[in-house]
Amino acid sequence: MFSPATVNQALAVVTLLYEHGPGLRLAVKRARIPKPGAPKR
């Protein structure tokens, strides 16, 4: 199970998304996962 703090944080995010909807722009940096066998940089 999740702790009450984790559940409250998730509910706060859902509430935020519903309140601000399409006008909300989130800048998220995605993790890059190298393909198997690809050379390391």
PDB file of N, CA and C in Angstrom:
ATOM      1  N   MET A   1       0.833  -1.188   0.000  1.00  0.00           N
ATOM      2  CA  MET A   1       0.000   0.000   0.000  1.00  0.00           C
ATOM      3  C   MET A   1       0.876   1.250   0.000  1.00  0.00           C
ATOM      4  N   PHE A   2       0.248   2.351  -0.273  1.00  0.00           N
ATOM      5  CA  PHE A   2       0.941   3.630  -0.283  1.00  0.00           C
ATOM      6  C   PHE A   2       0.693   4.357   1.028  1.00  0.00           C
ATOM      7  N   SER A   3       1.661   5.184   1.389  1.00  0.00           N
ATOM      8  CA  SER A   3       1.488   5.964   2.617  1.00  0.00           C
ATOM      9  C   SER A   3       0.456   7.074   2.365  1.00  0.00           C
ATOM     10  N   PRO A   4      -0.178   7.571   3.426  1.00  0.00           N
ATOM     11  CA  PRO A   4      -1.163   8.653   3.258  1.00  0.00           C
ATOM     12  C   PRO A   4      -0.570   9.889   2.568  1.00  0.00           C
ATOM     13  N   ALA A   5       0.696  10.190   2.836  1.00  0.00           N
ATOM     14  CA  ALA A   5       1.325  11.360   2.203  1.00  0.00           C
ATOM     15  C   ALA A   5       1.435  11.174   0.694  1.00  0.00           C
ATOM     16  N   THR A   6       1.748   9.961   0.256  1.00  0.00           N
ATOM     17  CA  THR A   6       1.863   9.677  -1.176  1.00  0.00           C
ATOM     18  C   THR A   6       0.505   9.796  -1.854  1.00  0.00           C
ATOM     19  N   VAL A   7      -0.524   9.276  -1.221  1.00  0.00           N
ATOM     20  CA  VAL A   7      -1.876   9.361  -1.768  1.00  0.00           C
ATOM     21  C   VAL A   7      -2.315  10.816  -1.851  1.00  0.00           C
ATOM     22  N   ASN A   8      -2.054  11.595  -0.804  1.00  0.00           N
ATOM     23  CA  ASN A   8      -2.431  13.009  -0.809  1.00  0.00           C
ATOM     24  C   ASN A   8      -1.708  13.776  -1.898  1.00  0.00           C
ATOM     25  N   GLN A   9      -0.440  13.461  -2.122  1.00  0.00           N
ATOM     26  CA  GLN A   9       0.323  14.132  -3.175  1.00  0.00           C
ATOM     27  C   GLN A   9      -0.259  13.802  -4.546  1.00  0.00           C
ATOM     28  N   ALA A  10      -0.601  12.549  -4.778  1.00  0.00           N
ATOM     29  CA  ALA A  10      -1.179  12.145  -6.059  1.00  0.00           C
ATOM     30  C   ALA A  10      -2.531  12.827  -6.275  1.00  0.00           C
ATOM     31  N   LEU A  11      -3.346  12.901  -5.244  1.00  0.00           N
ATOM     32  CA  LEU A  11      -4.645  13.566  -5.361  1.00  0.00           C
ATOM     33  C   LEU A  11      -4.487  15.061  -5.630  1.00  0.00           C
ATOM     34  N   ALA A  12      -3.472  15.671  -5.048  1.00  0.00           N
ATOM     35  CA  ALA A  12      -3.215  17.094  -5.285  1.00  0.00           C
ATOM     36  C   ALA A  12      -2.844  17.331  -6.746  1.00  0.00           C
ATOM     37  N   VAL A  13      -2.063  16.437  -7.322  1.00  0.00           N
ATOM     38  CA  VAL A  13      -1.668  16.573  -8.731  1.00  0.00           C
ATOM     39  C   VAL A  13      -2.888  16.417  -9.636  1.00  0.00           C
ATOM     40  N   VAL A  14      -3.718  15.433  -9.361  1.00  0.00           N
ATOM     41  CA  VAL A  14      -4.925  15.238 -10.167  1.00  0.00           C
ATOM     42  C   VAL A  14      -5.836  16.460 -10.072  1.00  0.00           C
ATOM     43  N   THR A  15      -5.991  16.992  -8.881  1.00  0.00           N
ATOM     44  CA  THR A  15      -6.816  18.193  -8.695  1.00  0.00           C
ATOM     45  C   THR A  15      -6.242  19.366  -9.484  1.00  0.00           C
ATOM     46  N   LEU A  16      -4.941  19.546  -9.433  1.00  0.00           N
ATOM     47  CA  LEU A  16      -4.284  20.622 -10.177  1.00  0.00           C
ATOM     48  C   LEU A  16      -4.531  20.480 -11.669  1.00  0.00           C
ATOM     49  N   LEU A  17      -4.397  19.263 -12.191  1.00  0.00           N
ATOM     50  CA  LEU A  17      -4.597  19.046 -13.622  1.00  0.00           C
ATOM     51  C   LEU A  17      -6.045  19.319 -14.035  1.00  0.00           C
ATOM     52  N   TYR A  18      -7.001  18.935 -13.201  1.00  0.00           N
ATOM     53  CA  TYR A  18      -8.398  19.211 -13.521  1.00  0.00           C
ATOM     54  C   TYR A  18      -8.711  20.699 -13.458  1.00  0.00           C
ATOM     55  N   GLU A  19      -8.106  21.411 -12.519  1.00  0.00           N
ATOM     56  CA  GLU A  19      -8.393  22.845 -12.382  1.00  0.00           C
ATOM     57  C   GLU A  19      -7.798  23.659 -13.519  1.00  0.00           C
ATOM     58  N   HIS A  20      -6.580  23.325 -13.937  1.00  0.00           N
ATOM     59  CA  HIS A  20      -5.876  24.146 -14.922  1.00  0.00           C
ATOM     60  C   HIS A  20      -5.920  23.561 -16.326  1.00  0.00           C
ATOM     61  N   GLY A  21      -6.233  22.302 -16.433  1.00  0.00           N
ATOM     62  CA  GLY A  21      -6.486  21.635 -17.706  1.00  0.00           C
ATOM     63  C   GLY A  21      -5.514  21.911 -18.817  1.00  0.00           C
ATOM     64  N   PRO A  22      -6.054  22.176 -20.028  1.00  0.00           N
ATOM     65  CA  PRO A  22      -5.225  22.302 -21.224  1.00  0.00           C
ATOM     66  C   PRO A  22      -4.281  23.502 -21.209  1.00  0.00           C
ATOM     67  N   GLY A  23      -4.570  24.521 -20.391  1.00  0.00           N
ATOM     68  CA  GLY A  23      -3.702  25.694 -20.354  1.00  0.00           C
ATOM     69  C   GLY A  23      -2.413  25.462 -19.583  1.00  0.00           C
ATOM     70  N   LEU A  24      -2.301  24.320 -18.938  1.00  0.00           N
ATOM     71  CA  LEU A  24      -1.130  24.038 -18.114  1.00  0.00           C
ATOM     72  C   LEU A  24      -0.028  23.432 -18.963  1.00  0.00           C
ATOM     73  N   ARG A  25       1.133  24.054 -18.925  1.00  0.00           N
ATOM     74  CA  ARG A  25       2.293  23.543 -19.661  1.00  0.00           C
ATOM     75  C   ARG A  25       3.314  23.021 -18.660  1.00  0.00           C
ATOM     76  N   LEU A  26       3.629  21.757 -18.743  1.00  0.00           N
ATOM     77  CA  LEU A  26       4.603  21.157 -17.845  1.00  0.00           C
ATOM     78  C   LEU A  26       5.880  20.857 -18.620  1.00  0.00           C
ATOM     79  N   ALA A  27       6.999  21.339 -18.121  1.00  0.00           N
ATOM     80  CA  ALA A  27       8.283  21.042 -18.740  1.00  0.00           C
ATOM     81  C   ALA A  27       8.863  19.812 -18.041  1.00  0.00           C
ATOM     82  N   VAL A  28       8.881  18.709 -18.767  1.00  0.00           N
ATOM     83  CA  VAL A  28       9.355  17.455 -18.191  1.00  0.00           C
ATOM     84  C   VAL A  28      10.531  16.952 -19.013  1.00  0.00           C
ATOM     85  N   LYS A  29      11.615  16.659 -18.349  1.00  0.00           N
ATOM     86  CA  LYS A  29      12.762  16.099 -19.038  1.00  0.00           C
ATOM     87  C   LYS A  29      12.680  14.580 -18.927  1.00  0.00           C
ATOM     88  N   ARG A  30      12.602  13.931 -20.046  1.00  0.00           N
ATOM     89  CA  ARG A  30      12.447  12.485 -20.075  1.00  0.00           C
ATOM     90  C   ARG A  30      13.800  11.784 -19.932  1.00  0.00           C
ATOM     91  N   ALA A  31      13.790  10.652 -19.298  1.00  0.00           N
ATOM     92  CA  ALA A  31      15.007   9.850 -19.168  1.00  0.00           C
ATOM     93  C   ALA A  31      15.271   9.152 -20.493  1.00  0.00           C
ATOM     94  N   ARG A  32      16.511   9.153 -20.897  1.00  0.00           N
ATOM     95  CA  ARG A  32      16.889   8.463 -22.130  1.00  0.00           C
ATOM     96  C   ARG A  32      17.470   7.109 -21.760  1.00  0.00           C
ATOM     97  N   ILE A  33      16.887   6.071 -22.302  1.00  0.00           N
ATOM     98  CA  ILE A  33      17.347   4.718 -22.022  1.00  0.00           C
ATOM     99  C   ILE A  33      17.992   4.181 -23.294  1.00  0.00           C
ATOM    100  N   PRO A  34      19.295   3.858 -23.225  1.00  0.00           N
ATOM    101  CA  PRO A  34      19.968   3.365 -24.429  1.00  0.00           C
ATOM    102  C   PRO A  34      19.440   1.995 -24.840  1.00  0.00           C
ATOM    103  N   LYS A  35      19.443   1.757 -26.140  1.00  0.00           N
ATOM    104  CA  LYS A  35      19.014   0.461 -26.650  1.00  0.00           C
ATOM    105  C   LYS A  35      20.085  -0.577 -26.313  1.00  0.00           C
ATOM    106  N   PRO A  36      19.673  -1.810 -26.102  1.00  0.00           N
ATOM    107  CA  PRO A  36      20.659  -2.854 -25.822  1.00  0.00           C
ATOM    108  C   PRO A  36      21.668  -2.983 -26.966  1.00  0.00           C
ATOM    109  N   GLY A  37      22.928  -3.033 -26.634  1.00  0.00           N
ATOM    110  CA  GLY A  37      23.978  -3.181 -27.638  1.00  0.00           C
ATOM    111  C   GLY A  37      24.454  -1.866 -28.221  1.00  0.00           C
ATOM    112  N   ALA A  38      23.826  -0.756 -27.865  1.00  0.00           N
ATOM    113  CA  ALA A  38      24.240   0.543 -28.397  1.00  0.00           C
ATOM    114  C   ALA A  38      25.529   0.973 -27.710  1.00  0.00           C
ATOM    115  N   PRO A  39      26.440   1.630 -28.458  1.00  0.00           N
ATOM    116  CA  PRO A  39      27.699   2.073 -27.834  1.00  0.00           C
ATOM    117  C   PRO A  39      27.451   3.157 -26.799  1.00  0.00           C
ATOM    118  N   LYS A  40      28.255   3.154 -25.738  1.00  0.00           N
ATOM    119  CA  LYS A  40      28.108   4.167 -24.700  1.00  0.00           C
ATOM    120  C   LYS A  40      28.730   5.472 -25.165  1.00  0.00           C
ATOM    121  N   ARG A  41      28.121   6.599 -24.771  1.00  0.00           N
ATOM    122  CA  ARG A  41      28.646   7.919 -25.163  1.00  0.00           C
ATOM    123  C   ARG A  41      29.706   8.367 -24.210  1.00  0.00           C
TER     124      ARG A  41
END
